[in-house]
Amino acid sequence: PLGLWERRLYLGQESVTRIYPNFAALTKYALFATDHRLSQIGVLQRRRRGEGVEFHQLREYREGDAQRQIDWKATARAGKLISREYQDERDQQVVFLIDCGRRLAARDGDLSHFDHVLNAALLLAYVSLRQGDSVGLLTMGGHNRFMAPRKSAASVNLMLNLLYDLQPTLMTSDYYAAALELMRRIRKRALVVILSNLRDEDEDTLSPALRLLSRRHLVLFASLRESILARALSARVDSFERALTHAAAADYLKQRALAFGRLERSGALALDVEPPQLPVALVNRYLEVKGAGQL
């Protein structure tokens, strides 16, 4: 009597849609990298053109070239100043060991620590490929995914498609087991970038893993430091409770700095930064390694 009617439709076709994490920051970084403007986001230019570690070519002297770059034999033959041009060594490997466990489940702002790690890994992969290096990855902490090092232009997309559906688990990653697996899979020397968050209880298990990896590889342990610690130190101390919070944060950071000092003395490189700083800090450390010929 109300004039209502019902119609049911059944659609037999199904489709799968991929839901990617928030990579807005990565898009910004990639645009700067593509336009050769990484310095505007804090990536430092470590060396003037021509002062790398691997010989590239001879060319005419240019204003600003260092005297040590001049090739005097070539200069005598050509009758004009000739400089040796160097570049950072190419065809090296960067391998990410990404912690997918509970250490990276915390959030910092709009992104989880895990999302910050993925942004940093993808940006460094992009920069490494532009430097002529190959990139690969291995995950740990409940997700076991592997990509062998490769130099193709599609490597970043391959990484993205391998990682996009991952979420941090409640597991505690086993650093030593992951190190054994990486040693088995990666035979050529590489810069192994461990992306995680160092905890007090981790040092005893992390150190053996770093020693194992360092037999063949150069290891960089990159850790996320919670931003709340800096806020606790900068907050006004106007009550007994805030004084306790301030003292606890200061002591925690002191012990953390000592732990990272021990890691560096064991032969590993270490990086401890707040999550938003990780992408740029990681690229800068990579460029330092390349410029110093450490790899």
C-alpha atoms as a PDB file:
ATOM      1  CA  PRO A   1       0.000   0.000   0.000  1.00  0.00           C
ATOM      2  CA  LEU A   2       2.982   2.346   0.499  1.00  0.00           C
ATOM      3  CA  GLY A   3       4.251   1.774  -3.019  1.00  0.00           C
ATOM      4  CA  LEU A   4       7.628   0.411  -1.828  1.00  0.00           C
ATOM      5  CA  TRP A   5       9.549  -2.226  -3.744  1.00  0.00           C
ATOM      6  CA  GLU A   6      12.705  -4.263  -3.304  1.00  0.00           C
ATOM      7  CA  ARG A   7      15.264  -5.470  -5.801  1.00  0.00           C
ATOM      8  CA  ARG A   8      18.271  -7.665  -5.085  1.00  0.00           C
ATOM      9  CA  LEU A   9      21.330  -7.706  -7.329  1.00  0.00           C
ATOM     10  CA  TYR A  10      24.150 -10.250  -7.133  1.00  0.00           C
ATOM     11  CA  LEU A  11      27.439  -9.344  -8.792  1.00  0.00           C
ATOM     12  CA  GLY A  12      29.605 -12.359  -9.506  1.00  0.00           C
ATOM     13  CA  GLN A  13      32.798 -10.504 -10.401  1.00  0.00           C
ATOM     14  CA  GLU A  14      35.333  -9.991  -7.608  1.00  0.00           C
ATOM     15  CA  SER A  15      38.318  -7.689  -7.574  1.00  0.00           C
ATOM     16  CA  VAL A  16      41.342  -7.237  -5.328  1.00  0.00           C
ATOM     17  CA  THR A  17      42.402  -3.745  -4.289  1.00  0.00           C
ATOM     18  CA  ARG A  18      45.758  -3.058  -2.696  1.00  0.00           C
ATOM     19  CA  ILE A  19      45.715  -0.691   0.277  1.00  0.00           C
ATOM     20  CA  TYR A  20      49.082   1.008   0.717  1.00  0.00           C
ATOM     21  CA  PRO A  21      50.387   2.655   3.906  1.00  0.00           C
ATOM     22  CA  ASN A  22      50.752   6.418   4.157  1.00  0.00           C
ATOM     23  CA  PHE A  23      53.754   7.168   1.955  1.00  0.00           C
ATOM     24  CA  ALA A  24      53.029  10.883   1.551  1.00  0.00           C
ATOM     25  CA  ALA A  25      56.414  11.777   3.031  1.00  0.00           C
ATOM     26  CA  LEU A  26      58.166   9.415   0.631  1.00  0.00           C
ATOM     27  CA  THR A  27      56.455  11.100  -2.313  1.00  0.00           C
ATOM     28  CA  LYS A  28      57.831  14.454  -1.154  1.00  0.00           C
ATOM     29  CA  TYR A  29      61.344  13.058  -0.744  1.00  0.00           C
ATOM     30  CA  ALA A  30      61.232  11.315  -4.117  1.00  0.00           C
ATOM     31  CA  LEU A  31      60.237  14.553  -5.847  1.00  0.00           C
ATOM     32  CA  PHE A  32      63.245  16.320  -4.351  1.00  0.00           C
ATOM     33  CA  ALA A  33      65.522  13.422  -5.326  1.00  0.00           C
ATOM     34  CA  THR A  34      64.221  13.371  -8.889  1.00  0.00           C
ATOM     35  CA  ASP A  35      64.790  17.114  -9.188  1.00  0.00           C
ATOM     36  CA  HIS A  36      68.291  16.917  -7.620  1.00  0.00           C
ATOM     37  CA  ARG A  37      67.160  19.072  -4.682  1.00  0.00           C
ATOM     38  CA  LEU A  38      67.774  16.671  -1.796  1.00  0.00           C
ATOM     39  CA  SER A  39      69.808  19.362  -0.044  1.00  0.00           C
ATOM     40  CA  GLN A  40      66.548  21.240   0.562  1.00  0.00           C
ATOM     41  CA  ILE A  41      65.323  18.474   2.871  1.00  0.00           C
ATOM     42  CA  GLY A  42      68.614  18.185   4.735  1.00  0.00           C
ATOM     43  CA  VAL A  43      70.603  15.715   2.624  1.00  0.00           C
ATOM     44  CA  LEU A  44      74.176  16.987   2.716  1.00  0.00           C
ATOM     45  CA  GLN A  45      76.494  17.193  -0.271  1.00  0.00           C
ATOM     46  CA  ARG A  46      79.625  15.621   1.171  1.00  0.00           C
ATOM     47  CA  ARG A  47      82.027  16.248  -1.694  1.00  0.00           C
ATOM     48  CA  ARG A  48      82.633  18.623  -4.546  1.00  0.00           C
ATOM     49  CA  ARG A  49      82.357  17.189  -8.013  1.00  0.00           C
ATOM     50  CA  GLY A  50      85.436  15.215  -8.993  1.00  0.00           C
ATOM     51  CA  GLU A  51      86.561  14.220  -5.496  1.00  0.00           C
ATOM     52  CA  GLY A  52      85.150  10.714  -5.111  1.00  0.00           C
ATOM     53  CA  VAL A  53      87.010   7.498  -4.358  1.00  0.00           C
ATOM     54  CA  GLU A  54      86.898   5.704  -7.732  1.00  0.00           C
ATOM     55  CA  PHE A  55      88.630   7.066 -10.843  1.00  0.00           C
ATOM     56  CA  HIS A  56      86.115   8.148 -13.472  1.00  0.00           C
ATOM     57  CA  GLN A  57      87.834  10.121 -16.227  1.00  0.00           C
ATOM     58  CA  LEU A  58      90.324  12.813 -17.230  1.00  0.00           C
ATOM     59  CA  ARG A  59      88.959  16.211 -18.170  1.00  0.00           C
ATOM     60  CA  GLU A  60      90.018  19.812 -18.549  1.00  0.00           C
ATOM     61  CA  TYR A  61      90.778  21.665 -15.340  1.00  0.00           C
ATOM     62  CA  ARG A  62      87.838  23.615 -13.934  1.00  0.00           C
ATOM     63  CA  GLU A  63      87.896  26.498 -11.493  1.00  0.00           C
ATOM     64  CA  GLY A  64      87.569  25.067  -8.001  1.00  0.00           C
ATOM     65  CA  ASP A  65      89.390  21.793  -8.707  1.00  0.00           C
ATOM     66  CA  ALA A  66      91.846  20.843  -5.961  1.00  0.00           C
ATOM     67  CA  GLN A  67      95.533  20.874  -6.884  1.00  0.00           C
ATOM     68  CA  ARG A  68      95.810  17.180  -6.009  1.00  0.00           C
ATOM     69  CA  GLN A  69      93.323  16.423  -8.798  1.00  0.00           C
ATOM     70  CA  ILE A  70      95.660  17.720 -11.509  1.00  0.00           C
ATOM     71  CA  ASP A  71      97.235  14.960 -13.604  1.00  0.00           C
ATOM     72  CA  TRP A  72     100.623  16.450 -14.448  1.00  0.00           C
ATOM     73  CA  LYS A  73     101.567  13.834 -17.060  1.00  0.00           C
ATOM     74  CA  ALA A  74      98.305  14.367 -18.951  1.00  0.00           C
ATOM     75  CA  THR A  75      98.761  18.123 -18.532  1.00  0.00           C
ATOM     76  CA  ALA A  76     102.218  17.952 -20.158  1.00  0.00           C
ATOM     77  CA  ARG A  77     100.901  15.908 -23.084  1.00  0.00           C
ATOM     78  CA  ALA A  78      97.893  18.134 -23.682  1.00  0.00           C
ATOM     79  CA  GLY A  79      99.627  21.446 -23.110  1.00  0.00           C
ATOM     80  CA  LYS A  80      96.859  22.548 -20.735  1.00  0.00           C
ATOM     81  CA  LEU A  81      95.743  21.689 -17.218  1.00  0.00           C
ATOM     82  CA  ILE A  82      94.023  18.290 -17.003  1.00  0.00           C
ATOM     83  CA  SER A  83      92.240  17.066 -13.876  1.00  0.00           C
ATOM     84  CA  ARG A  84      91.429  13.573 -12.689  1.00  0.00           C
ATOM     85  CA  GLU A  85      87.731  13.171 -11.926  1.00  0.00           C
ATOM     86  CA  TYR A  86      86.605  10.641  -9.350  1.00  0.00           C
ATOM     87  CA  GLN A  87      83.216   9.336  -8.307  1.00  0.00           C
ATOM     88  CA  ASP A  88      81.882   7.313  -5.424  1.00  0.00           C
ATOM     89  CA  GLU A  89      82.387   3.617  -6.036  1.00  0.00           C
ATOM     90  CA  ARG A  90      79.437   2.026  -7.822  1.00  0.00           C
ATOM     91  CA  ASP A  91      78.002  -1.483  -8.113  1.00  0.00           C
ATOM     92  CA  GLN A  92      77.896  -1.999  -4.362  1.00  0.00           C
ATOM     93  CA  GLN A  93      75.039  -3.493  -2.349  1.00  0.00           C
ATOM     94  CA  VAL A  94      72.647  -2.029   0.206  1.00  0.00           C
ATOM     95  CA  VAL A  95      70.533  -4.604   2.043  1.00  0.00           C
ATOM     96  CA  PHE A  96      67.785  -3.648   4.487  1.00  0.00           C
ATOM     97  CA  LEU A  97      67.025  -5.865   7.483  1.00  0.00           C
ATOM     98  CA  ILE A  98      63.609  -4.598   8.545  1.00  0.00           C
ATOM     99  CA  ASP A  99      62.155  -5.328  11.973  1.00  0.00           C
ATOM    100  CA  CYS A 100      58.444  -6.111  11.663  1.00  0.00           C
ATOM    101  CA  GLY A 101      58.024  -7.009  15.341  1.00  0.00           C
ATOM    102  CA  ARG A 102      56.581  -5.254  18.359  1.00  0.00           C
ATOM    103  CA  ARG A 103      59.507  -2.833  18.706  1.00  0.00           C
ATOM    104  CA  LEU A 104      58.056  -0.746  15.856  1.00  0.00           C
ATOM    105  CA  ALA A 105      54.371  -0.913  16.787  1.00  0.00           C
ATOM    106  CA  ALA A 106      54.352   2.475  18.549  1.00  0.00           C
ATOM    107  CA  ARG A 107      53.065   5.598  16.837  1.00  0.00           C
ATOM    108  CA  ASP A 108      54.693   8.991  16.456  1.00  0.00           C
ATOM    109  CA  GLY A 109      52.307  11.599  15.117  1.00  0.00           C
ATOM    110  CA  ASP A 110      50.186  10.375  12.229  1.00  0.00           C
ATOM    111  CA  LEU A 111      52.483   7.467  11.365  1.00  0.00           C
ATOM    112  CA  SER A 112      53.554   4.340  13.178  1.00  0.00           C
ATOM    113  CA  HIS A 113      57.246   3.734  13.745  1.00  0.00           C
ATOM    114  CA  PHE A 114      56.941   0.952  11.197  1.00  0.00           C
ATOM    115  CA  ASP A 115      55.640   3.385   8.564  1.00  0.00           C
ATOM    116  CA  HIS A 116      58.549   5.737   9.289  1.00  0.00           C
ATOM    117  CA  VAL A 117      60.929   2.819   8.767  1.00  0.00           C
ATOM    118  CA  LEU A 118      59.342   1.934   5.427  1.00  0.00           C
ATOM    119  CA  ASN A 119      59.553   5.556   4.273  1.00  0.00           C
ATOM    120  CA  ALA A 120      63.241   5.673   5.188  1.00  0.00           C
ATOM    121  CA  ALA A 121      64.045   2.352   3.508  1.00  0.00           C
ATOM    122  CA  LEU A 122      62.308   3.306   0.286  1.00  0.00           C
ATOM    123  CA  LEU A 123      63.982   6.726   0.127  1.00  0.00           C
ATOM    124  CA  LEU A 124      67.428   5.263   0.719  1.00  0.00           C
ATOM    125  CA  ALA A 125      66.729   2.575  -1.878  1.00  0.00           C
ATOM    126  CA  TYR A 126      65.848   5.293  -4.383  1.00  0.00           C
ATOM    127  CA  VAL A 127      69.027   7.269  -3.647  1.00  0.00           C
ATOM    128  CA  SER A 128      71.206   4.123  -3.673  1.00  0.00           C
ATOM    129  CA  LEU A 129      69.930   3.128  -7.095  1.00  0.00           C
ATOM    130  CA  ARG A 130      70.727   6.605  -8.405  1.00  0.00           C
ATOM    131  CA  GLN A 131      74.259   6.146  -7.047  1.00  0.00           C
ATOM    132  CA  GLY A 132      74.649   2.976  -9.106  1.00  0.00           C
ATOM    133  CA  ASP A 133      74.218   0.516  -6.242  1.00  0.00           C
ATOM    134  CA  SER A 134      71.845  -2.423  -5.943  1.00  0.00           C
ATOM    135  CA  VAL A 135      69.270  -2.799  -3.155  1.00  0.00           C
ATOM    136  CA  GLY A 136      67.713  -5.789  -1.437  1.00  0.00           C
ATOM    137  CA  LEU A 137      65.834  -6.575   1.752  1.00  0.00           C
ATOM    138  CA  LEU A 138      65.005  -9.175   4.366  1.00  0.00           C
ATOM    139  CA  THR A 139      62.282  -8.864   6.997  1.00  0.00           C
ATOM    140  CA  MET A 140      62.156 -10.351  10.488  1.00  0.00           C
ATOM    141  CA  GLY A 141      59.725 -10.474  13.389  1.00  0.00           C
ATOM    142  CA  GLY A 142      56.847 -12.585  12.123  1.00  0.00           C
ATOM    143  CA  HIS A 143      57.119 -11.690   8.442  1.00  0.00           C
ATOM    144  CA  ASN A 144      59.731 -13.479   6.349  1.00  0.00           C
ATOM    145  CA  ARG A 145      60.138 -11.762   2.999  1.00  0.00           C
ATOM    146  CA  PHE A 146      63.247 -11.450   0.890  1.00  0.00           C
ATOM    147  CA  MET A 147      64.306  -9.536  -2.189  1.00  0.00           C
ATOM    148  CA  ALA A 148      67.724 -10.283  -3.632  1.00  0.00           C
ATOM    149  CA  PRO A 149      69.819  -7.166  -4.375  1.00  0.00           C
ATOM    150  CA  ARG A 150      69.065  -5.697  -7.786  1.00  0.00           C
ATOM    151  CA  LYS A 151      69.826  -2.498  -9.696  1.00  0.00           C
ATOM    152  CA  SER A 152      66.823  -2.203 -11.983  1.00  0.00           C
ATOM    153  CA  ALA A 153      64.759   0.964 -12.097  1.00  0.00           C
ATOM    154  CA  ALA A 154      61.797  -1.099 -10.904  1.00  0.00           C
ATOM    155  CA  SER A 155      63.509  -2.084  -7.642  1.00  0.00           C
ATOM    156  CA  VAL A 156      61.702   0.517  -5.531  1.00  0.00           C
ATOM    157  CA  ASN A 157      58.333  -0.614  -6.893  1.00  0.00           C
ATOM    158  CA  LEU A 158      59.282  -4.218  -6.175  1.00  0.00           C
ATOM    159  CA  MET A 159      60.129  -3.266  -2.604  1.00  0.00           C
ATOM    160  CA  LEU A 160      56.882  -1.358  -2.236  1.00  0.00           C
ATOM    161  CA  ASN A 161      54.813  -4.280  -3.483  1.00  0.00           C
ATOM    162  CA  LEU A 162      56.696  -6.625  -1.164  1.00  0.00           C
ATOM    163  CA  LEU A 163      56.114  -4.469   1.921  1.00  0.00           C
ATOM    164  CA  TYR A 164      52.823  -2.628   1.399  1.00  0.00           C
ATOM    165  CA  ASP A 165      50.596  -5.097   3.264  1.00  0.00           C
ATOM    166  CA  LEU A 166      52.841  -5.638   6.285  1.00  0.00           C
ATOM    167  CA  GLN A 167      51.857  -4.585   9.782  1.00  0.00           C
ATOM    168  CA  PRO A 168      54.024  -4.823  12.907  1.00  0.00           C
ATOM    169  CA  THR A 169      53.392  -8.041  14.802  1.00  0.00           C
ATOM    170  CA  LEU A 170      53.449  -8.749  18.538  1.00  0.00           C
ATOM    171  CA  MET A 171      56.567 -10.881  18.174  1.00  0.00           C
ATOM    172  CA  THR A 172      60.037  -9.948  19.393  1.00  0.00           C
ATOM    173  CA  SER A 173      62.387 -10.186  16.435  1.00  0.00           C
ATOM    174  CA  ASP A 174      65.323 -12.560  16.756  1.00  0.00           C
ATOM    175  CA  TYR A 175      68.331 -10.543  15.597  1.00  0.00           C
ATOM    176  CA  TYR A 176      70.704 -13.493  15.553  1.00  0.00           C
ATOM    177  CA  ALA A 177      68.405 -15.770  13.551  1.00  0.00           C
ATOM    178  CA  ALA A 178      67.868 -12.948  11.051  1.00  0.00           C
ATOM    179  CA  ALA A 179      71.636 -12.397  10.832  1.00  0.00           C
ATOM    180  CA  LEU A 180      72.194 -16.082  10.094  1.00  0.00           C
ATOM    181  CA  GLU A 181      69.577 -15.966   7.336  1.00  0.00           C
ATOM    182  CA  LEU A 182      71.066 -12.837   5.801  1.00  0.00           C
ATOM    183  CA  MET A 183      74.575 -14.314   5.870  1.00  0.00           C
ATOM    184  CA  ARG A 184      73.255 -17.378   4.081  1.00  0.00           C
ATOM    185  CA  ARG A 185      71.528 -15.364   1.367  1.00  0.00           C
ATOM    186  CA  ILE A 186      73.924 -12.424   0.834  1.00  0.00           C
ATOM    187  CA  ARG A 187      77.432 -13.612  -0.041  1.00  0.00           C
ATOM    188  CA  LYS A 188      78.853 -10.391  -1.468  1.00  0.00           C
ATOM    189  CA  ARG A 189      79.865  -7.619   0.932  1.00  0.00           C
ATOM    190  CA  ALA A 190      77.031  -5.151   1.511  1.00  0.00           C
ATOM    191  CA  LEU A 191      75.965  -2.245   3.653  1.00  0.00           C
ATOM    192  CA  VAL A 192      73.432  -3.981   5.909  1.00  0.00           C
ATOM    193  CA  VAL A 193      70.961  -1.439   7.293  1.00  0.00           C
ATOM    194  CA  ILE A 194      69.094  -2.797  10.320  1.00  0.00           C
ATOM    195  CA  LEU A 195      65.933  -0.772  10.912  1.00  0.00           C
ATOM    196  CA  SER A 196      64.615  -1.322  14.418  1.00  0.00           C
ATOM    197  CA  ASN A 197      64.387   0.245  17.883  1.00  0.00           C
ATOM    198  CA  LEU A 198      66.971  -0.682  20.484  1.00  0.00           C
ATOM    199  CA  ARG A 199      65.584  -1.707  23.866  1.00  0.00           C
ATOM    200  CA  ASP A 200      67.477  -2.276  27.097  1.00  0.00           C
ATOM    201  CA  GLU A 201      66.871  -5.997  26.943  1.00  0.00           C
ATOM    202  CA  ASP A 202      68.065  -6.279  23.321  1.00  0.00           C
ATOM    203  CA  GLU A 203      71.753  -5.518  23.717  1.00  0.00           C
ATOM    204  CA  ASP A 204      72.813  -9.027  24.750  1.00  0.00           C
ATOM    205  CA  THR A 205      71.108 -10.588  21.715  1.00  0.00           C
ATOM    206  CA  LEU A 206      71.936  -7.810  19.250  1.00  0.00           C
ATOM    207  CA  SER A 207      75.700  -7.765  19.832  1.00  0.00           C
ATOM    208  CA  PRO A 208      76.285 -11.382  18.662  1.00  0.00           C
ATOM    209  CA  ALA A 209      74.211 -10.675  15.544  1.00  0.00           C
ATOM    210  CA  LEU A 210      76.278  -7.585  14.740  1.00  0.00           C
ATOM    211  CA  ARG A 211      79.537  -9.473  15.228  1.00  0.00           C
ATOM    212  CA  LEU A 212      78.328 -12.206  12.879  1.00  0.00           C
ATOM    213  CA  LEU A 213      77.245  -9.764  10.171  1.00  0.00           C
ATOM    214  CA  SER A 214      80.441  -7.714  10.498  1.00  0.00           C
ATOM    215  CA  ARG A 215      82.551 -10.675   9.399  1.00  0.00           C
ATOM    216  CA  ARG A 216      81.461  -9.981   5.829  1.00  0.00           C
ATOM    217  CA  HIS A 217      79.386  -6.799   5.763  1.00  0.00           C
ATOM    218  CA  LEU A 218      79.405  -3.204   6.938  1.00  0.00           C
ATOM    219  CA  VAL A 219      76.528  -2.905   9.409  1.00  0.00           C
ATOM    220  CA  LEU A 220      74.474   0.194  10.199  1.00  0.00           C
ATOM    221  CA  PHE A 221      71.994  -0.150  13.062  1.00  0.00           C
ATOM    222  CA  ALA A 222      69.361   2.576  12.631  1.00  0.00           C
ATOM    223  CA  SER A 223      67.065   2.990  15.608  1.00  0.00           C
ATOM    224  CA  LEU A 224      63.989   5.105  16.227  1.00  0.00           C
ATOM    225  CA  ARG A 225      64.045   7.196  19.386  1.00  0.00           C
ATOM    226  CA  GLU A 226      60.619   8.146  20.729  1.00  0.00           C
ATOM    227  CA  SER A 227      59.866  11.860  20.319  1.00  0.00           C
ATOM    228  CA  ILE A 228      58.129  11.911  23.706  1.00  0.00           C
ATOM    229  CA  LEU A 229      61.543  11.729  25.378  1.00  0.00           C
ATOM    230  CA  ALA A 230      62.644  15.079  23.972  1.00  0.00           C
ATOM    231  CA  ARG A 231      59.304  16.601  24.918  1.00  0.00           C
ATOM    232  CA  ALA A 232      59.710  15.310  28.479  1.00  0.00           C
ATOM    233  CA  LEU A 233      63.127  16.959  28.749  1.00  0.00           C
ATOM    234  CA  SER A 234      61.965  20.281  27.316  1.00  0.00           C
ATOM    235  CA  ALA A 235      58.768  20.470  29.393  1.00  0.00           C
ATOM    236  CA  ARG A 236      58.634  22.901  32.280  1.00  0.00           C
ATOM    237  CA  VAL A 237      59.434  21.204  35.583  1.00  0.00           C
ATOM    238  CA  ASP A 238      56.848  22.730  37.901  1.00  0.00           C
ATOM    239  CA  SER A 239      55.791  19.740  39.976  1.00  0.00           C
ATOM    240  CA  PHE A 240      57.272  16.723  41.695  1.00  0.00           C
ATOM    241  CA  GLU A 241      55.652  14.420  39.130  1.00  0.00           C
ATOM    242  CA  ARG A 242      57.189  16.327  36.218  1.00  0.00           C
ATOM    243  CA  ALA A 243      60.549  16.312  37.959  1.00  0.00           C
ATOM    244  CA  LEU A 244      60.388  12.521  38.171  1.00  0.00           C
ATOM    245  CA  THR A 245      59.433  12.306  34.491  1.00  0.00           C
ATOM    246  CA  HIS A 246      62.295  14.617  33.520  1.00  0.00           C
ATOM    247  CA  ALA A 247      64.822  12.630  35.554  1.00  0.00           C
ATOM    248  CA  ALA A 248      63.605   9.305  34.168  1.00  0.00           C
ATOM    249  CA  ALA A 249      63.809  10.543  30.563  1.00  0.00           C
ATOM    250  CA  ALA A 250      67.306  11.961  31.108  1.00  0.00           C
ATOM    251  CA  ASP A 251      68.542   8.715  32.663  1.00  0.00           C
ATOM    252  CA  TYR A 252      66.987   6.619  29.904  1.00  0.00           C
ATOM    253  CA  LEU A 253      68.645   8.706  27.179  1.00  0.00           C
ATOM    254  CA  LYS A 254      71.988   8.539  28.992  1.00  0.00           C
ATOM    255  CA  GLN A 255      71.827   4.744  29.185  1.00  0.00           C
ATOM    256  CA  ARG A 256      70.706   4.600  25.566  1.00  0.00           C
ATOM    257  CA  ALA A 257      73.671   6.700  24.446  1.00  0.00           C
ATOM    258  CA  LEU A 258      76.030   4.394  26.337  1.00  0.00           C
ATOM    259  CA  ALA A 259      74.461   1.357  24.650  1.00  0.00           C
ATOM    260  CA  PHE A 260      74.931   2.880  21.211  1.00  0.00           C
ATOM    261  CA  GLY A 261      78.524   3.697  22.084  1.00  0.00           C
ATOM    262  CA  ARG A 262      79.111   0.030  22.861  1.00  0.00           C
ATOM    263  CA  LEU A 263      77.553  -0.956  19.537  1.00  0.00           C
ATOM    264  CA  GLU A 264      79.874   1.387  17.657  1.00  0.00           C
ATOM    265  CA  ARG A 265      82.926   0.086  19.520  1.00  0.00           C
ATOM    266  CA  SER A 266      81.958  -3.419  18.405  1.00  0.00           C
ATOM    267  CA  GLY A 267      82.449  -2.332  14.787  1.00  0.00           C
ATOM    268  CA  ALA A 268      78.923  -1.385  13.726  1.00  0.00           C
ATOM    269  CA  LEU A 269      77.739   2.045  12.659  1.00  0.00           C
ATOM    270  CA  ALA A 270      74.850   3.394  14.712  1.00  0.00           C
ATOM    271  CA  LEU A 271      72.114   5.931  14.156  1.00  0.00           C
ATOM    272  CA  ASP A 272      69.600   6.950  16.832  1.00  0.00           C
ATOM    273  CA  VAL A 273      67.086   9.577  15.723  1.00  0.00           C
ATOM    274  CA  GLU A 274      63.461  10.547  16.168  1.00  0.00           C
ATOM    275  CA  PRO A 275      61.128   8.938  13.579  1.00  0.00           C
ATOM    276  CA  PRO A 276      60.524  11.997  11.349  1.00  0.00           C
ATOM    277  CA  GLN A 277      64.291  12.526  11.072  1.00  0.00           C
ATOM    278  CA  LEU A 278      65.085   8.968   9.998  1.00  0.00           C
ATOM    279  CA  PRO A 279      64.778   9.206   6.172  1.00  0.00           C
ATOM    280  CA  VAL A 280      67.161  12.141   5.762  1.00  0.00           C
ATOM    281  CA  ALA A 281      69.550  10.971   8.498  1.00  0.00           C
ATOM    282  CA  LEU A 282      69.765   7.537   6.892  1.00  0.00           C
ATOM    283  CA  VAL A 283      70.565   8.952   3.453  1.00  0.00           C
ATOM    284  CA  ASN A 284      73.213  11.251   4.934  1.00  0.00           C
ATOM    285  CA  ARG A 285      74.903   8.342   6.714  1.00  0.00           C
ATOM    286  CA  TYR A 286      74.848   6.300   3.495  1.00  0.00           C
ATOM    287  CA  LEU A 287      76.505   9.167   1.606  1.00  0.00           C
ATOM    288  CA  GLU A 288      79.133   9.441   4.361  1.00  0.00           C
ATOM    289  CA  VAL A 289      79.907   5.740   3.986  1.00  0.00           C
ATOM    290  CA  LYS A 290      80.171   6.049   0.214  1.00  0.00           C
ATOM    291  CA  GLY A 291      82.309   9.164   0.378  1.00  0.00           C
ATOM    292  CA  ALA A 292      84.712   7.620   2.880  1.00  0.00           C
ATOM    293  CA  GLY A 293      85.075   4.423   0.862  1.00  0.00           C
ATOM    294  CA  GLN A 294      84.063   2.315   3.877  1.00  0.00           C
ATOM    295  CA  LEU A 295      82.013  -0.150   1.873  1.00  0.00           C
END
